[in-house]
Amino acid sequence: MIARFEELDWQSTPLGDLTLRRRNEPAVGHEIYEVKLGDEYLMSSLFTVAEEALATLGLDATSGSGLNVLVGGLGLGYTAVAALRDERAGILTVGALTVIDRLAAVIRWHERRLLPVSTELVDDPRTALVCDDFFAVMRMPPPTDAMGYDAILLDVDHSPRHQLDPSHGALYSADGMRSLDRHLVDGGVFALWSDDPPDAAYMAVLRGVFDDAEAHVIDFANAVTGGTSSNTVYVARSRRRGPLT
């Protein structure tokens, strides 16, 4: 059986040619959506377990409800929608969700309802989609009137060592993590998706800046290979900078 491909969008971007396509996948018997940047596969709706775990594990490390959450990287939208769906004792965990993506084309895909979760994401009044460079935003100090984020969930690069753009690399250093930490409330949570196994050097960076840093290995069935694949979700809690209340 030959897979049928349909190109839904193609855009030239500063990072390379960006393509959104839909195709039949014989191994699973239904349509899947894929994103390519140049010759690299960025993401697929066939594998969303770890992207959703990024939201659930990150939010599990917070407390309370009505949280102010930032997602770096929109992609197919599964991390953002998992955050919107998250509940604690029957109460929605997230009060406001900001999603930053550098590529305007990706935001337009969702505004055009091209992807399976687009309508749920865009129609939720808690959602704000922002076209900006997440890494540049994290390098800047937060505005003086900013309330701070209870959680920052990041899924842009393949891993701390394998970045889509060399300019992203500085974020994964100790100084970069400290810059990001300024955007969190006291005790706020930073969580990161990675396609690589847990990285001991990066864990050392996290533990030098944050408290309670952990690397969670997320296993999921791979219908294409017939085996099991794994991703990593790092979760770390910001150290309290003020008095305990």
Protein backbone atom coordinates (compact mmCIF):
# COMPACT_ATOMS: atom_id res chain seq x y z
CA MET A 1 0.00 0.00 0.00
CA ILE A 2 1.44 3.35 -1.07
CA ALA A 3 1.05 6.26 1.36
CA ARG A 4 -0.86 9.27 0.02
CA PHE A 5 0.69 12.66 0.78
CA GLU A 6 -1.08 16.01 0.76
CA GLU A 7 0.94 19.19 1.25
CA LEU A 8 -1.16 21.57 3.32
CA ASP A 9 1.33 24.43 3.43
CA TRP A 10 4.86 25.37 2.41
CA GLN A 11 6.73 28.44 3.59
CA SER A 12 10.26 29.75 3.29
CA THR A 13 11.49 30.77 6.77
CA PRO A 14 14.75 32.08 8.28
CA LEU A 15 15.38 28.54 9.58
CA GLY A 16 14.72 26.83 6.23
CA ASP A 17 11.78 25.59 4.15
CA LEU A 18 8.86 24.69 6.39
CA THR A 19 6.34 22.10 5.20
CA LEU A 20 3.10 20.85 6.71
CA ARG A 21 1.73 17.71 5.16
CA ARG A 22 -0.94 15.12 5.79
CA ARG A 23 -0.63 11.51 4.75
CA ASN A 24 -2.07 8.07 5.23
CA GLU A 25 0.09 5.84 7.42
CA PRO A 26 -0.55 2.15 6.62
CA ALA A 27 1.03 1.06 9.92
CA VAL A 28 -1.71 2.77 11.95
CA GLY A 29 -4.56 2.93 9.45
CA HIS A 30 -5.34 6.64 9.70
CA GLU A 31 -4.09 10.04 8.61
CA ILE A 32 -1.16 11.67 10.34
CA TYR A 33 0.23 15.19 10.16
CA GLU A 34 3.94 15.92 9.77
CA VAL A 35 6.13 19.00 9.86
CA LYS A 36 9.49 19.20 8.08
CA LEU A 37 12.08 21.96 8.29
CA GLY A 38 14.39 21.58 5.32
CA ASP A 39 15.27 17.89 5.23
CA GLU A 40 14.59 17.35 8.96
CA TYR A 41 11.39 15.91 10.39
CA LEU A 42 10.36 18.19 13.25
CA MET A 43 7.24 16.49 14.52
CA SER A 44 4.46 14.05 13.73
CA SER A 45 0.97 13.53 15.09
CA LEU A 46 1.84 9.83 15.14
CA PHE A 47 3.98 10.40 18.24
CA THR A 48 2.47 12.84 20.77
CA VAL A 49 2.82 10.97 24.08
CA ALA A 50 5.98 12.77 25.19
CA GLU A 51 4.76 16.19 24.00
CA GLU A 52 1.65 15.74 26.14
CA ALA A 53 3.76 14.43 29.02
CA LEU A 54 5.76 17.67 28.86
CA ALA A 55 2.59 19.50 29.93
CA THR A 56 1.31 16.98 32.45
CA LEU A 57 4.66 16.40 34.18
CA GLY A 58 5.44 20.10 34.23
CA LEU A 59 2.07 21.04 35.68
CA ASP A 60 2.13 18.14 38.15
CA ALA A 61 5.15 19.82 39.72
CA THR A 62 3.15 23.02 40.37
CA SER A 63 0.47 23.63 42.95
CA GLY A 64 -2.86 25.42 42.89
CA SER A 65 -5.00 26.37 39.91
CA GLY A 66 -5.50 29.39 37.69
CA LEU A 67 -1.83 29.09 36.70
CA ASN A 68 -0.08 31.42 34.28
CA VAL A 69 1.74 29.15 31.82
CA LEU A 70 4.13 29.83 28.95
CA VAL A 71 4.76 27.30 26.18
CA GLY A 72 7.82 27.77 23.99
CA GLY A 73 7.12 26.20 20.61
CA LEU A 74 3.63 25.72 19.18
CA GLY A 75 4.18 22.97 16.63
CA LEU A 76 1.19 20.69 16.17
CA GLY A 77 -0.30 22.06 19.40
CA TYR A 78 -0.37 18.91 21.54
CA THR A 79 1.63 20.31 24.47
CA ALA A 80 -0.50 23.46 24.60
CA VAL A 81 -3.79 21.57 24.44
CA ALA A 82 -2.64 19.07 27.08
CA ALA A 83 -1.96 22.05 29.34
CA LEU A 84 -5.42 23.50 28.66
CA ARG A 85 -7.05 20.16 29.48
CA ASP A 86 -5.09 19.61 32.70
CA GLU A 87 -7.26 19.38 35.81
CA ARG A 88 -6.63 19.22 39.53
CA ALA A 89 -9.51 17.91 41.65
CA GLY A 90 -11.90 18.66 38.82
CA ILE A 91 -10.70 22.25 38.40
CA LEU A 92 -8.78 23.38 35.32
CA THR A 93 -5.15 23.94 36.28
CA VAL A 94 -4.31 26.67 33.77
CA GLY A 95 -5.83 30.14 33.97
CA ALA A 96 -3.84 31.72 31.14
CA LEU A 97 -1.73 30.10 28.42
CA THR A 98 0.73 32.03 26.26
CA VAL A 99 2.36 30.15 23.38
CA ILE A 100 5.38 31.71 21.68
CA ASP A 101 6.52 30.53 18.25
CA ARG A 102 9.10 32.18 16.03
CA LEU A 103 7.39 31.01 12.84
CA ALA A 104 4.30 32.98 11.89
CA ALA A 105 3.33 30.21 9.47
CA VAL A 106 2.85 27.76 12.37
CA ILE A 107 0.50 30.16 14.14
CA ARG A 108 -1.44 30.65 10.91
CA TRP A 109 -1.88 26.86 10.56
CA HIS A 110 -3.79 26.83 13.81
CA GLU A 111 -5.71 30.00 13.07
CA ARG A 112 -6.81 28.31 9.82
CA ARG A 113 -7.81 25.18 11.80
CA LEU A 114 -5.55 22.95 9.71
CA LEU A 115 -4.53 20.59 12.53
CA PRO A 116 -6.54 18.14 14.66
CA VAL A 117 -6.33 20.22 17.88
CA SER A 118 -6.36 23.68 16.28
CA THR A 119 -9.99 24.53 16.99
CA GLU A 120 -9.77 23.53 20.64
CA LEU A 121 -6.57 25.53 21.06
CA VAL A 122 -7.58 28.71 19.23
CA ASP A 123 -11.15 28.88 20.54
CA ASP A 124 -10.14 28.58 24.20
CA PRO A 125 -10.27 32.11 25.69
CA ARG A 126 -7.28 31.30 27.90
CA THR A 127 -4.99 30.96 24.85
CA ALA A 128 -2.75 33.69 23.43
CA LEU A 129 -0.58 32.83 20.41
CA VAL A 130 2.45 35.12 20.06
CA CYS A 131 4.87 35.29 17.13
CA ASP A 132 8.27 35.94 18.71
CA ASP A 133 11.65 34.36 19.38
CA PHE A 134 11.27 32.48 22.66
CA PHE A 135 15.03 32.40 23.19
CA ALA A 136 15.36 36.15 22.72
CA VAL A 137 12.47 36.73 25.11
CA MET A 138 14.14 34.59 27.76
CA ARG A 139 17.41 36.53 27.39
CA MET A 140 15.63 39.79 28.21
CA PRO A 141 14.64 40.66 31.78
CA PRO A 142 10.89 40.37 32.33
CA PRO A 143 8.91 43.63 32.26
CA THR A 144 8.69 45.26 35.66
CA ASP A 145 4.92 44.77 35.72
CA ALA A 146 5.07 41.10 34.64
CA MET A 147 3.38 38.68 37.01
CA GLY A 148 5.76 35.81 36.24
CA TYR A 149 4.94 32.34 34.96
CA ASP A 150 4.00 29.43 37.20
CA ALA A 151 5.37 27.08 34.53
CA ILE A 152 7.43 27.37 31.36
CA LEU A 153 7.19 24.38 29.01
CA LEU A 154 9.73 24.27 26.18
CA ASP A 155 9.64 22.11 23.04
CA VAL A 156 11.58 23.72 20.19
CA ASP A 157 14.95 22.02 19.75
CA HIS A 158 15.58 18.30 19.34
CA SER A 159 17.58 18.36 22.58
CA PRO A 160 19.89 20.65 24.57
CA ARG A 161 22.75 19.43 22.36
CA HIS A 162 20.89 19.35 19.03
CA GLN A 163 19.41 22.77 18.32
CA LEU A 164 17.48 23.96 15.30
CA ASP A 165 19.45 27.23 15.35
CA PRO A 166 22.91 27.85 16.86
CA SER A 167 21.55 30.95 18.62
CA HIS A 168 19.48 28.67 20.86
CA GLY A 169 22.51 27.02 22.44
CA ALA A 170 23.18 29.68 25.07
CA LEU A 171 19.84 29.02 26.77
CA TYR A 172 20.97 25.58 27.90
CA SER A 173 24.00 26.95 29.76
CA ALA A 174 23.87 27.91 33.45
CA ASP A 175 23.62 31.60 32.53
CA GLY A 176 20.83 30.84 30.08
CA MET A 177 18.89 28.88 32.66
CA ARG A 178 19.31 31.71 35.16
CA SER A 179 17.94 34.15 32.58
CA LEU A 180 14.92 31.91 32.01
CA ASP A 181 14.45 31.53 35.76
CA ARG A 182 13.84 35.28 36.07
CA HIS A 183 10.58 34.76 34.17
CA LEU A 184 9.26 32.24 36.72
CA VAL A 185 7.48 32.97 39.97
CA ASP A 186 9.14 31.76 43.16
CA GLY A 187 8.89 27.98 43.11
CA GLY A 188 7.76 28.01 39.46
CA VAL A 189 8.50 25.07 37.16
CA PHE A 190 10.60 24.73 34.03
CA ALA A 191 10.04 21.64 31.86
CA LEU A 192 11.80 20.67 28.63
CA TRP A 193 11.16 18.02 25.96
CA SER A 194 14.16 16.25 24.42
CA ASP A 195 14.50 13.60 21.74
CA ASP A 196 17.72 12.34 23.33
CA PRO A 197 18.27 10.18 26.43
CA PRO A 198 18.88 12.00 29.73
CA ASP A 199 22.01 14.14 29.48
CA ALA A 200 24.19 14.10 32.61
CA ALA A 201 25.92 17.37 31.74
CA TYR A 202 22.62 19.18 31.23
CA MET A 203 21.25 17.69 34.45
CA ALA A 204 24.24 19.18 36.26
CA VAL A 205 23.37 22.58 34.79
CA LEU A 206 19.75 22.26 35.91
CA ARG A 207 20.70 21.18 39.41
CA GLY A 208 23.06 24.12 39.71
CA VAL A 209 20.27 26.61 38.97
CA PHE A 210 17.02 24.93 40.04
CA ASP A 211 15.71 22.68 42.80
CA ASP A 212 14.26 19.18 42.38
CA ALA A 213 15.58 18.68 38.84
CA GLU A 214 14.60 15.34 37.32
CA ALA A 215 14.81 13.63 33.93
CA HIS A 216 11.76 11.50 33.08
CA VAL A 217 12.13 8.90 30.32
CA ILE A 218 8.87 8.61 28.36
CA ASP A 219 8.47 5.32 26.51
CA PHE A 220 5.83 4.89 23.82
CA ALA A 221 4.87 2.30 21.25
CA ASN A 222 6.23 2.97 17.78
CA ALA A 223 3.73 1.57 15.29
CA VAL A 224 6.10 2.12 12.38
CA THR A 225 9.02 0.11 13.79
CA GLY A 226 6.90 -2.24 15.87
CA GLY A 227 9.08 -1.47 18.88
CA THR A 228 9.31 1.09 21.66
CA SER A 229 10.74 4.59 21.35
CA SER A 230 11.70 7.02 24.10
CA ASN A 231 11.93 10.75 24.71
CA THR A 232 13.02 12.67 27.79
CA VAL A 233 11.16 15.33 29.78
CA TYR A 234 13.24 17.39 32.19
CA VAL A 235 11.39 19.04 35.08
CA ALA A 236 12.97 21.50 37.53
CA ARG A 237 11.55 23.85 40.16
CA SER A 238 12.74 27.41 40.62
CA ARG A 239 14.45 28.22 43.89
CA ARG A 240 12.49 30.63 46.03
CA ARG A 241 13.98 34.09 45.82
CA GLY A 242 11.81 35.63 48.53
CA PRO A 243 10.54 34.61 51.96
CA LEU A 244 8.30 31.57 52.26
CA THR A 245 4.63 32.44 52.70
